């Protein structure tokens, strides 16, 4: 199983979604985690652009503040 974690600036832009899709397909990526995106909901049409014919699910976890005590 091959995975990828990615911090895609401008995640929702169509030209970037095509690049993301190409990288995922060309490298036969089984799963991808997108970091630091604020997108709680992603449209099915956008997911199809990056996933092609593969099944794709979007799960969102909100950011949590990290408190460091020294």
N, C-alpha and C. Protein backbone atom coordinates (compact mmCIF):
# COMPACT_ATOMS: atom_id res chain seq x y z
N UNK A 1 0.85 -1.18 0.00
CA UNK A 1 0.00 0.00 0.00
C UNK A 1 0.89 1.23 0.00
N UNK A 2 0.60 2.14 -0.90
CA UNK A 2 1.39 3.37 -1.05
C UNK A 2 0.51 4.55 -0.66
N UNK A 3 1.03 5.40 0.24
CA UNK A 3 0.29 6.56 0.69
C UNK A 3 1.08 7.84 0.49
N UNK A 4 0.39 8.93 0.61
CA UNK A 4 0.98 10.24 0.40
C UNK A 4 0.29 11.25 1.32
N UNK A 5 1.07 12.11 1.96
CA UNK A 5 0.52 13.24 2.70
C UNK A 5 0.97 14.50 2.00
N UNK A 6 0.02 15.42 1.79
CA UNK A 6 0.29 16.55 0.92
C UNK A 6 -0.33 17.80 1.51
N UNK A 7 0.40 18.90 1.41
CA UNK A 7 -0.11 20.21 1.81
C UNK A 7 -0.29 21.03 0.53
N UNK A 8 -1.46 20.89 -0.12
CA UNK A 8 -1.65 21.54 -1.42
C UNK A 8 -2.17 22.96 -1.29
N UNK A 9 -1.32 23.93 -1.47
CA UNK A 9 -1.78 25.32 -1.46
C UNK A 9 -2.75 25.55 -2.61
N UNK A 10 -3.83 26.25 -2.36
CA UNK A 10 -4.83 26.50 -3.41
C UNK A 10 -5.57 25.25 -3.82
N UNK A 11 -5.88 24.43 -2.86
CA UNK A 11 -6.46 23.10 -3.05
C UNK A 11 -7.66 23.08 -3.98
N UNK A 12 -8.54 24.07 -3.89
CA UNK A 12 -9.78 24.05 -4.66
C UNK A 12 -9.67 24.55 -6.09
N UNK A 13 -8.50 25.02 -6.50
CA UNK A 13 -8.34 25.53 -7.86
C UNK A 13 -8.28 24.37 -8.85
N UNK A 14 -8.98 24.49 -9.96
CA UNK A 14 -9.10 23.41 -10.92
C UNK A 14 -7.75 22.97 -11.48
N UNK A 15 -6.84 23.91 -11.78
CA UNK A 15 -5.55 23.52 -12.33
C UNK A 15 -4.74 22.70 -11.32
N UNK A 16 -4.86 23.02 -10.03
CA UNK A 16 -4.15 22.25 -9.00
C UNK A 16 -4.77 20.87 -8.81
N UNK A 17 -6.09 20.79 -8.93
CA UNK A 17 -6.73 19.49 -8.76
C UNK A 17 -6.31 18.53 -9.87
N UNK A 18 -6.10 19.03 -11.07
CA UNK A 18 -5.62 18.20 -12.18
C UNK A 18 -4.21 17.69 -11.88
N UNK A 19 -3.35 18.54 -11.36
CA UNK A 19 -1.98 18.14 -10.99
C UNK A 19 -2.02 17.09 -9.90
N UNK A 20 -2.85 17.30 -8.89
CA UNK A 20 -2.99 16.33 -7.80
C UNK A 20 -3.43 14.98 -8.36
N UNK A 21 -4.44 15.00 -9.21
CA UNK A 21 -4.94 13.76 -9.82
C UNK A 21 -3.87 13.05 -10.63
N UNK A 22 -3.09 13.80 -11.41
CA UNK A 22 -2.02 13.20 -12.21
C UNK A 22 -0.97 12.53 -11.32
N UNK A 23 -0.57 13.20 -10.26
CA UNK A 23 0.43 12.62 -9.34
C UNK A 23 -0.10 11.35 -8.69
N UNK A 24 -1.35 11.37 -8.24
CA UNK A 24 -1.93 10.20 -7.60
C UNK A 24 -1.99 9.01 -8.55
N UNK A 25 -2.40 9.26 -9.79
CA UNK A 25 -2.54 8.17 -10.78
C UNK A 25 -1.18 7.67 -11.26
N UNK A 26 -0.26 8.59 -11.55
CA UNK A 26 1.05 8.21 -12.07
C UNK A 26 1.87 7.41 -11.07
N UNK A 27 1.63 7.63 -9.78
CA UNK A 27 2.40 6.95 -8.74
C UNK A 27 1.61 5.83 -8.07
N UNK A 28 0.41 5.55 -8.59
CA UNK A 28 -0.44 4.48 -8.06
C UNK A 28 -0.62 4.60 -6.54
N UNK A 29 -1.00 5.80 -6.10
CA UNK A 29 -1.20 6.08 -4.68
C UNK A 29 -2.51 5.44 -4.22
N UNK A 30 -2.45 4.70 -3.11
CA UNK A 30 -3.64 4.04 -2.56
C UNK A 30 -4.43 4.97 -1.63
N UNK A 31 -3.73 5.86 -0.94
CA UNK A 31 -4.44 6.81 -0.07
C UNK A 31 -3.63 8.10 0.00
N UNK A 32 -4.33 9.19 0.27
CA UNK A 32 -3.68 10.49 0.39
C UNK A 32 -4.30 11.25 1.54
N UNK A 33 -3.48 11.94 2.30
CA UNK A 33 -3.94 12.82 3.37
C UNK A 33 -3.56 14.24 3.01
N UNK A 34 -4.55 15.12 2.93
CA UNK A 34 -4.27 16.52 2.62
C UNK A 34 -4.18 17.27 3.93
N UNK A 35 -3.06 17.95 4.14
CA UNK A 35 -2.82 18.67 5.38
C UNK A 35 -3.17 20.14 5.24
N UNK A 36 -3.60 20.72 6.34
CA UNK A 36 -3.83 22.15 6.47
C UNK A 36 -4.81 22.72 5.45
N UNK A 37 -5.78 21.92 5.06
CA UNK A 37 -6.86 22.46 4.23
C UNK A 37 -8.04 22.79 5.13
N UNK A 38 -8.74 23.84 4.82
CA UNK A 38 -9.89 24.24 5.63
C UNK A 38 -11.19 23.82 4.99
N UNK A 39 -11.10 22.94 4.00
CA UNK A 39 -12.27 22.49 3.27
C UNK A 39 -13.02 21.41 4.05
N UNK A 40 -14.12 21.78 4.68
CA UNK A 40 -14.92 20.81 5.42
C UNK A 40 -15.71 19.92 4.48
N UNK A 41 -16.16 20.47 3.38
CA UNK A 41 -16.93 19.74 2.39
C UNK A 41 -16.24 19.88 1.03
N UNK A 42 -16.20 18.79 0.29
CA UNK A 42 -15.63 18.80 -1.05
C UNK A 42 -16.69 18.24 -1.99
N UNK A 43 -16.88 18.88 -3.12
CA UNK A 43 -17.91 18.43 -4.07
C UNK A 43 -17.49 17.11 -4.73
N UNK A 44 -18.48 16.32 -5.11
CA UNK A 44 -18.21 15.06 -5.81
C UNK A 44 -17.50 15.31 -7.13
N UNK A 45 -17.83 16.41 -7.80
CA UNK A 45 -17.19 16.70 -9.09
C UNK A 45 -15.69 16.96 -8.89
N UNK A 46 -15.33 17.66 -7.81
CA UNK A 46 -13.92 17.90 -7.52
C UNK A 46 -13.21 16.60 -7.19
N UNK A 47 -13.84 15.74 -6.40
CA UNK A 47 -13.23 14.45 -6.05
C UNK A 47 -13.01 13.60 -7.30
N UNK A 48 -13.94 13.67 -8.25
CA UNK A 48 -13.78 12.90 -9.49
C UNK A 48 -12.61 13.41 -10.32
N UNK A 49 -12.35 14.72 -10.27
CA UNK A 49 -11.20 15.27 -11.00
C UNK A 49 -9.90 14.69 -10.46
N UNK A 50 -9.77 14.59 -9.14
CA UNK A 50 -8.51 14.09 -8.58
C UNK A 50 -8.46 12.58 -8.48
N UNK A 51 -9.60 11.91 -8.48
CA UNK A 51 -9.57 10.46 -8.31
C UNK A 51 -9.82 9.69 -9.60
N UNK A 52 -10.36 10.35 -10.62
CA UNK A 52 -10.68 9.65 -11.86
C UNK A 52 -11.78 8.64 -11.63
N UNK A 53 -11.54 7.39 -11.96
CA UNK A 53 -12.55 6.35 -11.81
C UNK A 53 -12.46 5.63 -10.47
N UNK A 54 -11.45 5.96 -9.68
CA UNK A 54 -11.27 5.31 -8.37
C UNK A 54 -12.29 5.82 -7.37
N UNK A 55 -12.67 4.97 -6.44
CA UNK A 55 -13.55 5.39 -5.36
C UNK A 55 -12.77 6.30 -4.43
N UNK A 56 -13.42 7.36 -3.97
CA UNK A 56 -12.73 8.35 -3.14
C UNK A 56 -13.68 8.81 -2.06
N UNK A 57 -13.20 8.90 -0.84
CA UNK A 57 -14.00 9.41 0.27
C UNK A 57 -13.27 10.58 0.91
N UNK A 58 -14.04 11.57 1.34
CA UNK A 58 -13.48 12.74 2.00
C UNK A 58 -13.86 12.70 3.47
N UNK A 59 -12.87 12.77 4.34
CA UNK A 59 -13.11 12.85 5.78
C UNK A 59 -12.35 14.07 6.29
N UNK A 60 -13.02 14.88 7.07
CA UNK A 60 -12.44 16.13 7.56
C UNK A 60 -12.26 16.06 9.06
N UNK A 61 -11.08 16.44 9.54
CA UNK A 61 -10.84 16.59 10.96
C UNK A 61 -10.45 18.04 11.21
N UNK A 62 -11.18 18.74 12.07
CA UNK A 62 -10.85 20.15 12.32
C UNK A 62 -9.53 20.28 13.06
N UNK A 63 -8.88 21.42 12.86
CA UNK A 63 -7.63 21.70 13.56
C UNK A 63 -7.89 21.85 15.05
N UNK A 64 -6.92 21.44 15.81
CA UNK A 64 -7.01 21.58 17.27
C UNK A 64 -5.81 22.38 17.75
N UNK A 65 -6.06 23.28 18.67
CA UNK A 65 -4.98 24.07 19.23
C UNK A 65 -4.10 23.16 20.08
N UNK A 66 -2.81 23.37 19.96
CA UNK A 66 -1.84 22.58 20.71
C UNK A 66 -1.25 23.46 21.79
N UNK A 67 -1.34 23.03 23.00
CA UNK A 67 -0.84 23.80 24.13
C UNK A 67 0.43 23.14 24.62
N UNK A 68 1.51 23.88 24.57
CA UNK A 68 2.80 23.36 25.05
C UNK A 68 3.12 24.02 26.39
N UNK A 69 3.43 23.22 27.36
CA UNK A 69 3.78 23.73 28.68
C UNK A 69 5.23 23.33 28.94
N UNK A 70 6.05 24.32 29.26
CA UNK A 70 7.46 24.04 29.55
C UNK A 70 7.77 24.32 30.98
